[in-house]
């Protein structure tokens, strides 16, 4: 934590003058993003996706599959959008043809409520991933909204950095950098700094919410995490829950005895069985391999991110056979670098779906709530288990009888966070 704290000023010091844009009368001219290597500002009649999608100021592919069918979002929020990037040596993000990581977007509504919401994307998505599930809603409430790509994107995040865990460690630093810079930009635009700054996110974005409130709490008023990923040095983490599923699911699908019990024992909830096939095909193997390569690259030797869907019993670098507990101390040390502690310093509301089969609730949400309690920070934490919620709302279209969207639970949680931090009304 000390090293991370010391690195933040390094990321923030380089100040470059962004490309100037013609001032259309809404105040975008002269806005500067501290530390940015590039930024462009434009006045828009609508900062929500209803306006940004047709004009190419967001990327619908970035938020595809994150919301339920028939979702209706607010619209009609005029203001300023700033896109750009901070200095970075990696180039996994090709948005705008920049081929440059640490890209960001900042949106400043004309009618400002004095607050700021900052977010990082789930999974390996980019800076526009939260536009539909978070950005539209907070902009409609009058908040400024800022989002980062967290410093690396796509299927090769493990190539970023020199040491195991560097790529993930950068996520936390880029979130802090984005928050600090967005506060400064808001002060330029409105003449004063935000009164309240919140951090919010889904999945990996939720992991970053927790990390920010543990590592950089002075930047925030509070946060909301939604189906957050958990890393702990002794487990559980995705490195302990994904391999059992990769081993047991093929046997379960083939009707082999004992496989169902193994899935349940690994934390995958009874009743969620219809979701397992989709996750096995699309998520479990992919995430296991890239996260393991990031944190334990020596496991498969010179290969990068192992062999997709290698068969159980293959051994010798097969991620299906991965056993985190038996790995060398240096691997556990790498995971420790990116692990959470539960020592939050600002109010946090956590929501987690009981039908989540990517970050099973018994191995993620429940565990972090207990970590917070053991750390003596229970008074700062409000934890809510959401019956029928699964990892992303888009799955409610394919499994309408099994799961339900969690967006309304997130919005309720955000309202409760406002009440808690601005009016002293603690959630029940």
Protein backbone atom coordinates (compact mmCIF):
# COMPACT_ATOMS: atom_id res chain seq x y z
CA UNK A 1 0.00 0.00 0.00
CA UNK A 2 2.84 2.38 0.83
CA UNK A 3 4.51 1.76 -2.52
CA UNK A 4 1.21 2.26 -4.34
CA UNK A 5 0.62 5.50 -2.47
CA UNK A 6 4.10 6.74 -3.38
CA UNK A 7 3.54 5.96 -7.05
CA UNK A 8 0.35 8.00 -7.36
CA UNK A 9 2.11 11.39 -7.46
CA UNK A 10 4.36 10.03 -10.22
CA UNK A 11 1.33 9.22 -12.33
CA UNK A 12 -0.19 12.62 -11.64
CA UNK A 13 2.73 14.96 -12.18
CA UNK A 14 3.15 14.94 -15.97
CA UNK A 15 0.89 17.70 -17.25
CA UNK A 16 0.41 17.98 -21.00
CA UNK A 17 -1.68 20.56 -22.81
CA UNK A 18 -4.46 18.72 -24.68
CA UNK A 19 -5.52 19.59 -28.17
CA UNK A 20 -7.59 22.76 -28.14
CA UNK A 21 -11.17 22.60 -29.30
CA UNK A 22 -13.28 25.44 -30.60
CA UNK A 23 -15.43 26.81 -27.78
CA UNK A 24 -19.09 26.39 -28.70
CA UNK A 25 -20.22 28.47 -25.76
CA UNK A 26 -20.75 25.76 -23.14
CA UNK A 27 -17.41 26.27 -21.40
CA UNK A 28 -15.32 23.44 -22.82
CA UNK A 29 -12.52 25.67 -24.05
CA UNK A 30 -9.57 25.79 -21.68
CA UNK A 31 -10.49 22.72 -19.64
CA UNK A 32 -7.33 20.77 -18.82
CA UNK A 33 -7.05 17.24 -17.41
CA UNK A 34 -4.09 17.21 -14.99
CA UNK A 35 -1.54 14.61 -16.01
CA UNK A 36 -3.17 13.76 -19.33
CA UNK A 37 -0.99 13.25 -22.38
CA UNK A 38 -4.00 13.90 -24.60
CA UNK A 39 -7.53 15.18 -24.13
CA UNK A 40 -10.28 16.54 -26.33
CA UNK A 41 -13.40 18.32 -25.06
CA UNK A 42 -16.70 18.69 -26.87
CA UNK A 43 -20.10 20.14 -26.03
CA UNK A 44 -22.93 17.64 -26.42
CA UNK A 45 -26.71 18.11 -26.29
CA UNK A 46 -27.00 14.82 -24.38
CA UNK A 47 -24.26 13.11 -22.33
CA UNK A 48 -26.29 9.94 -21.81
CA UNK A 49 -26.03 7.01 -24.20
CA UNK A 50 -29.16 8.23 -26.00
CA UNK A 51 -26.99 11.06 -27.27
CA UNK A 52 -23.45 9.68 -27.16
CA UNK A 53 -24.11 6.44 -29.06
CA UNK A 54 -25.43 8.05 -32.28
CA UNK A 55 -22.62 10.61 -32.23
CA UNK A 56 -19.80 8.14 -31.66
CA UNK A 57 -19.01 9.43 -28.17
CA UNK A 58 -19.37 6.01 -26.59
CA UNK A 59 -18.92 2.41 -27.73
CA UNK A 60 -22.02 0.18 -27.47
CA UNK A 61 -19.82 -2.92 -27.85
CA UNK A 62 -18.18 -1.97 -24.57
CA UNK A 63 -21.41 -2.30 -22.58
CA UNK A 64 -22.98 -5.13 -24.57
CA UNK A 65 -24.52 -7.83 -22.37
CA UNK A 66 -24.39 -5.86 -19.14
CA UNK A 67 -28.07 -4.91 -18.96
CA UNK A 68 -31.34 -6.77 -19.10
CA UNK A 69 -33.73 -6.75 -22.07
CA UNK A 70 -36.04 -3.78 -22.42
CA UNK A 71 -33.95 -1.55 -20.16
CA UNK A 72 -35.02 2.10 -20.38
CA UNK A 73 -32.48 4.71 -19.28
CA UNK A 74 -32.82 8.42 -18.58
CA UNK A 75 -31.68 10.89 -21.24
CA UNK A 76 -31.52 14.58 -22.05
CA UNK A 77 -28.48 15.69 -20.03
CA UNK A 78 -26.53 18.40 -21.91
CA UNK A 79 -22.92 19.14 -21.02
CA UNK A 80 -19.27 18.59 -21.83
CA UNK A 81 -17.49 15.32 -22.62
CA UNK A 82 -13.71 14.98 -22.39
CA UNK A 83 -11.91 11.96 -23.86
CA UNK A 84 -8.21 11.33 -23.56
CA UNK A 85 -5.44 9.26 -22.04
CA UNK A 86 -2.70 9.46 -19.43
CA UNK A 87 0.94 8.59 -20.20
CA UNK A 88 1.31 4.80 -20.43
CA UNK A 89 3.60 2.38 -22.24
CA UNK A 90 0.99 -0.29 -23.05
CA UNK A 91 -1.25 -0.24 -26.12
CA UNK A 92 -4.09 -2.72 -25.64
CA UNK A 93 -6.87 -0.11 -26.04
CA UNK A 94 -7.47 0.81 -29.70
CA UNK A 95 -10.45 3.11 -29.08
CA UNK A 96 -10.43 6.28 -31.24
CA UNK A 97 -7.51 4.76 -33.12
CA UNK A 98 -5.20 5.96 -30.36
CA UNK A 99 -3.75 2.50 -29.56
CA UNK A 100 -2.92 3.75 -26.12
CA UNK A 101 -3.91 2.54 -22.66
CA UNK A 102 -5.07 4.54 -19.65
CA UNK A 103 -7.84 6.09 -21.71
CA UNK A 104 -10.60 7.92 -19.89
CA UNK A 105 -13.86 9.76 -20.33
CA UNK A 106 -15.14 12.63 -18.18
CA UNK A 107 -18.68 13.98 -18.49
CA UNK A 108 -19.70 17.30 -16.95
CA UNK A 109 -23.46 18.02 -16.95
CA UNK A 110 -24.64 21.58 -17.42
CA UNK A 111 -26.79 21.31 -14.30
CA UNK A 112 -24.42 19.99 -11.65
CA UNK A 113 -25.45 18.73 -8.22
CA UNK A 114 -21.97 19.21 -6.76
CA UNK A 115 -20.97 15.53 -6.87
CA UNK A 116 -18.74 13.18 -8.84
CA UNK A 117 -19.02 9.45 -9.57
CA UNK A 118 -15.95 7.52 -10.75
CA UNK A 119 -15.91 3.97 -12.14
CA UNK A 120 -13.70 1.28 -13.64
CA UNK A 121 -14.92 -1.35 -16.13
CA UNK A 122 -15.82 -4.96 -15.44
CA UNK A 123 -13.65 -7.70 -16.88
CA UNK A 124 -11.30 -6.65 -19.66
CA UNK A 125 -13.63 -4.00 -21.10
CA UNK A 126 -12.80 -0.36 -21.78
CA UNK A 127 -13.76 3.05 -20.44
CA UNK A 128 -17.31 3.18 -21.82
CA UNK A 129 -18.42 -0.12 -20.24
CA UNK A 130 -20.37 1.53 -17.42
CA UNK A 131 -22.13 4.14 -19.55
CA UNK A 132 -25.47 2.31 -19.53
CA UNK A 133 -25.49 0.63 -16.13
CA UNK A 134 -24.03 3.53 -14.11
CA UNK A 135 -23.23 6.65 -16.16
CA UNK A 136 -26.68 7.46 -17.54
CA UNK A 137 -28.29 7.25 -14.13
CA UNK A 138 -25.84 9.37 -12.18
CA UNK A 139 -25.66 11.98 -14.94
CA UNK A 140 -29.44 12.29 -14.79
CA UNK A 141 -29.12 12.96 -11.05
CA UNK A 142 -26.71 15.81 -11.79
CA UNK A 143 -23.39 14.11 -11.00
CA UNK A 144 -20.26 14.53 -13.06
CA UNK A 145 -19.12 11.09 -14.23
CA UNK A 146 -15.60 9.84 -14.95
CA UNK A 147 -14.41 6.41 -16.07
CA UNK A 148 -11.07 4.80 -16.82
CA UNK A 149 -10.04 1.73 -18.81
CA UNK A 150 -7.90 0.96 -15.71
CA UNK A 151 -4.62 0.89 -17.63
CA UNK A 152 -4.96 -2.29 -19.71
CA UNK A 153 -7.75 -4.05 -21.58
CA UNK A 154 -8.53 -7.12 -23.62
CA UNK A 155 -7.26 -10.72 -23.50
CA UNK A 156 -3.56 -9.92 -22.97
CA UNK A 157 -3.63 -7.82 -19.79
CA UNK A 158 -0.90 -10.08 -18.42
CA UNK A 159 1.61 -8.53 -20.83
CA UNK A 160 1.47 -5.24 -18.95
CA UNK A 161 4.09 -4.69 -16.24
CA UNK A 162 7.34 -6.39 -15.30
CA UNK A 163 6.38 -8.46 -12.26
CA UNK A 164 3.46 -10.82 -11.67
CA UNK A 165 0.52 -8.75 -10.50
CA UNK A 166 1.74 -5.46 -11.98
CA UNK A 167 -1.12 -5.30 -14.48
CA UNK A 168 -3.75 -5.65 -11.76
CA UNK A 169 -1.87 -3.35 -9.41
CA UNK A 170 -2.02 -0.68 -12.08
CA UNK A 171 -5.82 -0.82 -12.03
CA UNK A 172 -5.86 0.65 -8.52
CA UNK A 173 -3.39 3.39 -9.40
CA UNK A 174 -5.27 4.38 -12.54
CA UNK A 175 -8.53 4.61 -10.60
CA UNK A 176 -6.91 6.92 -8.08
CA UNK A 177 -5.33 8.95 -10.87
CA UNK A 178 -8.67 9.29 -12.65
CA UNK A 179 -10.45 10.38 -9.50
CA UNK A 180 -7.87 13.01 -8.60
CA UNK A 181 -7.85 14.41 -12.14
CA UNK A 182 -11.65 14.42 -12.45
CA UNK A 183 -11.94 16.37 -9.22
CA UNK A 184 -9.58 18.98 -10.63
CA UNK A 185 -11.48 19.18 -13.92
CA UNK A 186 -14.78 19.60 -12.07
CA UNK A 187 -13.25 22.43 -10.07
CA UNK A 188 -12.16 24.12 -13.32
CA UNK A 189 -15.60 23.78 -14.85
CA UNK A 190 -17.79 24.67 -11.90
CA UNK A 191 -15.51 26.87 -9.82
CA UNK A 192 -15.36 24.50 -6.86
CA UNK A 193 -14.38 20.94 -6.09
CA UNK A 194 -17.02 18.21 -5.71
CA UNK A 195 -18.66 18.06 -2.28
CA UNK A 196 -19.14 14.31 -2.59
CA UNK A 197 -17.15 11.80 -4.64
CA UNK A 198 -18.40 8.23 -5.02
CA UNK A 199 -16.78 5.18 -6.58
CA UNK A 200 -19.01 2.49 -8.10
CA UNK A 201 -18.50 -0.63 -10.17
CA UNK A 202 -19.52 -4.13 -11.26
CA UNK A 203 -17.36 -7.29 -11.06
CA UNK A 204 -13.72 -6.23 -11.46
CA UNK A 205 -15.03 -2.69 -11.17
CA UNK A 206 -16.51 -3.67 -7.80
CA UNK A 207 -13.14 -5.08 -6.73
CA UNK A 208 -11.67 -1.67 -7.52
CA UNK A 209 -14.35 0.07 -5.45
CA UNK A 210 -13.24 -1.92 -2.42
CA UNK A 211 -9.59 -1.39 -3.24
CA UNK A 212 -10.01 2.37 -3.49
CA UNK A 213 -11.78 2.58 -0.13
CA UNK A 214 -9.00 0.49 1.42
CA UNK A 215 -6.00 2.13 -0.30
CA UNK A 216 -7.03 5.68 -1.27
CA UNK A 217 -9.98 6.54 0.98
CA UNK A 218 -9.17 10.25 1.15
CA UNK A 219 -10.35 10.58 -2.44
CA UNK A 220 -13.90 9.38 -1.74
CA UNK A 221 -17.06 9.92 0.22
CA UNK A 222 -18.15 6.29 -0.19
CA UNK A 223 -18.77 3.52 -2.70
CA UNK A 224 -21.08 0.83 -4.09
CA UNK A 225 -19.78 -2.52 -5.36
CA UNK A 226 -21.87 -4.94 -7.41
CA UNK A 227 -20.96 -8.66 -7.68
CA UNK A 228 -17.37 -7.75 -6.89
CA UNK A 229 -14.44 -10.01 -7.67
CA UNK A 230 -12.37 -10.98 -4.63
CA UNK A 231 -8.65 -11.62 -4.34
CA UNK A 232 -7.17 -12.94 -1.09
CA UNK A 233 -3.71 -14.39 -0.72
CA UNK A 234 -4.88 -17.56 1.03
CA UNK A 235 -8.09 -17.86 -0.98
CA UNK A 236 -10.78 -17.69 -1.98
CA UNK A 237 -10.24 -15.98 -5.31
CA UNK A 238 -11.00 -16.78 -8.92
CA UNK A 239 -7.81 -18.85 -8.91
CA UNK A 240 -9.38 -21.16 -6.32
CA UNK A 241 -13.00 -21.25 -7.58
CA UNK A 242 -12.54 -21.49 -11.36
CA UNK A 243 -10.33 -24.61 -11.63
CA UNK A 244 -12.77 -26.85 -9.70
CA UNK A 245 -15.52 -25.76 -12.08
CA UNK A 246 -13.34 -26.44 -15.12
CA UNK A 247 -12.68 -29.94 -13.79
CA UNK A 248 -16.14 -30.88 -12.61
CA UNK A 249 -18.44 -29.29 -15.19
CA UNK A 250 -17.55 -31.52 -18.17
CA UNK A 251 -18.16 -34.56 -15.99
CA UNK A 252 -21.43 -33.02 -14.75
CA UNK A 253 -22.55 -32.37 -18.33
CA UNK A 254 -21.74 -35.99 -19.18
CA UNK A 255 -23.81 -37.24 -16.24
CA UNK A 256 -20.85 -38.60 -14.28
CA UNK A 257 -21.55 -39.34 -10.58
CA UNK A 258 -20.13 -36.97 -7.99
CA UNK A 259 -19.56 -34.05 -10.38
CA UNK A 260 -22.63 -32.14 -9.24
CA UNK A 261 -21.55 -32.42 -5.63
CA UNK A 262 -18.10 -31.11 -6.57
CA UNK A 263 -19.62 -28.04 -8.21
CA UNK A 264 -21.70 -27.31 -5.14
CA UNK A 265 -18.71 -27.82 -2.87
CA UNK A 266 -16.74 -25.26 -4.91
CA UNK A 267 -19.41 -22.65 -4.14
CA UNK A 268 -21.61 -22.80 -7.23
CA UNK A 269 -25.13 -22.50 -5.82
CA UNK A 270 -27.78 -25.18 -6.11
CA UNK A 271 -30.41 -24.05 -8.58
CA UNK A 272 -27.90 -22.25 -10.80
CA UNK A 273 -27.13 -25.34 -12.90
CA UNK A 274 -28.69 -23.97 -16.13
CA UNK A 275 -26.12 -21.15 -16.06
CA UNK A 276 -23.09 -23.40 -15.85
CA UNK A 277 -22.85 -24.34 -19.53
CA UNK A 278 -22.75 -20.72 -20.71
CA UNK A 279 -20.09 -19.79 -18.18
CA UNK A 280 -17.98 -22.84 -18.96
CA UNK A 281 -18.01 -22.00 -22.66
CA UNK A 282 -17.55 -18.24 -22.42
CA UNK A 283 -16.00 -17.14 -19.12
CA UNK A 284 -14.49 -19.69 -16.71
CA UNK A 285 -11.67 -20.92 -18.93
CA UNK A 286 -10.81 -17.51 -20.39
CA UNK A 287 -10.64 -15.71 -17.06
CA UNK A 288 -8.74 -18.51 -15.34
CA UNK A 289 -6.04 -18.48 -17.99
CA UNK A 290 -5.47 -14.73 -18.25
CA UNK A 291 -5.59 -14.10 -14.49
CA UNK A 292 -3.33 -17.06 -13.79
CA UNK A 293 -0.88 -15.82 -16.44
CA UNK A 294 -0.92 -12.40 -14.79
CA UNK A 295 -0.29 -13.75 -11.30
CA UNK A 296 1.49 -17.06 -11.93
CA UNK A 297 3.17 -16.95 -15.37
CA UNK A 298 5.67 -19.71 -14.55
CA UNK A 299 2.90 -22.33 -14.27
CA UNK A 300 2.79 -22.97 -18.01
CA UNK A 301 6.42 -22.20 -18.79
CA UNK A 302 7.06 -20.19 -21.94
CA UNK A 303 3.47 -20.43 -23.12
CA UNK A 304 1.19 -17.46 -22.60
CA UNK A 305 -2.15 -18.05 -20.89
CA UNK A 306 -2.01 -21.81 -21.21
CA UNK A 307 -4.10 -24.06 -23.45
CA UNK A 308 -7.81 -23.27 -23.86
CA UNK A 309 -10.10 -25.95 -22.43
CA UNK A 310 -7.35 -28.43 -21.72
CA UNK A 311 -8.71 -31.72 -20.44
CA UNK A 312 -8.69 -32.65 -16.76
CA UNK A 313 -5.65 -34.73 -15.90
CA UNK A 314 -3.44 -33.16 -18.57
CA UNK A 315 -1.21 -31.62 -15.89
CA UNK A 316 1.99 -29.78 -16.87
CA UNK A 317 0.58 -26.28 -17.25
CA UNK A 318 -3.07 -27.17 -17.84
CA UNK A 319 -5.26 -24.57 -16.11
CA UNK A 320 -8.02 -27.10 -15.56
CA UNK A 321 -5.63 -28.87 -13.16
CA UNK A 322 -4.43 -25.69 -11.49
CA UNK A 323 -4.04 -25.95 -7.71
CA UNK A 324 -3.31 -22.58 -6.16
CA UNK A 325 -2.60 -24.03 -2.73
CA UNK A 326 0.37 -26.04 -4.01
CA UNK A 327 1.98 -23.18 -5.91
CA UNK A 328 5.29 -21.63 -4.71
CA UNK A 329 5.49 -18.82 -2.18
CA UNK A 330 6.29 -16.28 -4.87
CA UNK A 331 2.89 -16.93 -6.44
CA UNK A 332 1.10 -16.34 -3.16
CA UNK A 333 3.20 -13.19 -2.72
CA UNK A 334 2.02 -11.93 -6.12
CA UNK A 335 -1.61 -12.54 -5.19
CA UNK A 336 -1.03 -10.85 -1.84
CA UNK A 337 0.00 -7.68 -3.70
CA UNK A 338 -3.45 -7.40 -5.26
CA UNK A 339 -5.48 -8.82 -2.38
CA UNK A 340 -8.12 -7.01 -0.38
CA UNK A 341 -8.03 -6.75 3.39
CA UNK A 342 -11.50 -5.61 4.46
CA UNK A 343 -9.98 -2.49 6.05
CA UNK A 344 -12.25 0.05 4.36
CA UNK A 345 -12.13 3.65 5.55
CA UNK A 346 -15.31 5.04 3.96
CA UNK A 347 -18.94 3.85 3.81
CA UNK A 348 -19.43 0.96 1.41
CA UNK A 349 -22.60 -0.75 0.20
CA UNK A 350 -22.12 -4.17 -1.39
CA UNK A 351 -24.74 -6.07 -3.39
CA UNK A 352 -24.24 -9.62 -4.61
CA UNK A 353 -26.55 -11.97 -6.49
CA UNK A 354 -27.31 -15.40 -5.08
CA UNK A 355 -27.22 -16.91 -8.60
CA UNK A 356 -23.80 -15.53 -9.51
CA UNK A 357 -21.75 -18.36 -11.03
CA UNK A 358 -18.71 -16.32 -12.00
CA UNK A 359 -18.02 -14.95 -8.52
CA UNK A 360 -20.14 -17.30 -6.38
CA UNK A 361 -21.60 -15.42 -3.44
CA UNK A 362 -20.43 -17.87 -0.76
CA UNK A 363 -16.82 -17.47 -1.96
CA UNK A 364 -16.91 -13.75 -2.69
CA UNK A 365 -19.57 -11.41 -1.26
CA UNK A 366 -20.07 -13.39 1.95
CA UNK A 367 -16.33 -13.72 2.48
CA UNK A 368 -15.60 -10.02 2.02
CA UNK A 369 -18.39 -9.07 4.43
CA UNK A 370 -16.72 -11.30 7.02
CA UNK A 371 -13.33 -9.77 6.23
CA UNK A 372 -14.74 -6.30 6.91
CA UNK A 373 -16.24 -7.53 10.17
CA UNK A 374 -12.94 -9.08 11.30
CA UNK A 375 -11.14 -5.86 10.39
CA UNK A 376 -13.43 -3.97 12.76
CA UNK A 377 -14.99 -1.89 9.97
CA UNK A 378 -18.49 -3.37 10.09
CA UNK A 379 -20.03 0.03 10.90
CA UNK A 380 -18.83 1.24 7.48
CA UNK A 381 -20.29 -1.69 5.52
CA UNK A 382 -23.82 -2.54 4.40
CA UNK A 383 -24.07 -5.90 2.63
CA UNK A 384 -27.09 -7.12 0.66
CA UNK A 385 -27.62 -10.56 -0.87
CA UNK A 386 -29.89 -10.27 -3.92
CA UNK A 387 -32.05 -13.37 -4.53
CA UNK A 388 -31.97 -14.44 -8.18
CA UNK A 389 -29.25 -12.00 -9.20
CA UNK A 390 -26.48 -13.30 -11.44
CA UNK A 391 -23.18 -11.78 -12.50
CA UNK A 392 -24.44 -9.64 -15.38
CA UNK A 393 -28.00 -8.57 -16.13
CA UNK A 394 -27.73 -9.54 -19.79
CA UNK A 395 -28.15 -13.19 -18.81
CA UNK A 396 -31.72 -12.49 -17.67
CA UNK A 397 -32.76 -12.57 -21.34
CA UNK A 398 -31.56 -16.15 -21.81
CA UNK A 399 -32.68 -17.37 -18.37
CA UNK A 400 -35.77 -15.27 -17.51
CA UNK A 401 -37.28 -17.87 -15.20
CA UNK A 402 -34.07 -18.30 -13.23
CA UNK A 403 -32.42 -14.91 -12.79
CA UNK A 404 -33.53 -11.31 -12.57
CA UNK A 405 -31.68 -8.07 -13.38
CA UNK A 406 -29.88 -6.36 -10.50
CA UNK A 407 -29.79 -2.83 -11.92
CA UNK A 408 -32.63 -1.66 -9.70
CA UNK A 409 -30.78 -3.04 -6.67
CA UNK A 410 -27.69 -1.08 -7.66
CA UNK A 411 -29.68 2.13 -8.09
CA UNK A 412 -31.35 1.60 -4.72
CA UNK A 413 -27.95 1.00 -3.15
CA UNK A 414 -26.64 4.23 -4.64
CA UNK A 415 -29.63 6.16 -3.28
CA UNK A 416 -28.99 4.63 0.14
CA UNK A 417 -25.33 5.60 -0.05
CA UNK A 418 -26.37 9.20 -0.69
CA UNK A 419 -28.69 9.11 2.30
CA UNK A 420 -25.97 7.57 4.46
CA UNK A 421 -23.17 9.94 3.54
CA UNK A 422 -25.13 13.14 3.01
CA UNK A 423 -27.96 12.83 5.53
CA UNK A 424 -26.64 10.37 8.10
CA UNK A 425 -29.28 7.69 7.40
CA UNK A 426 -27.46 4.35 7.62
CA UNK A 427 -28.91 1.52 5.48
CA UNK A 428 -30.60 -1.26 7.40
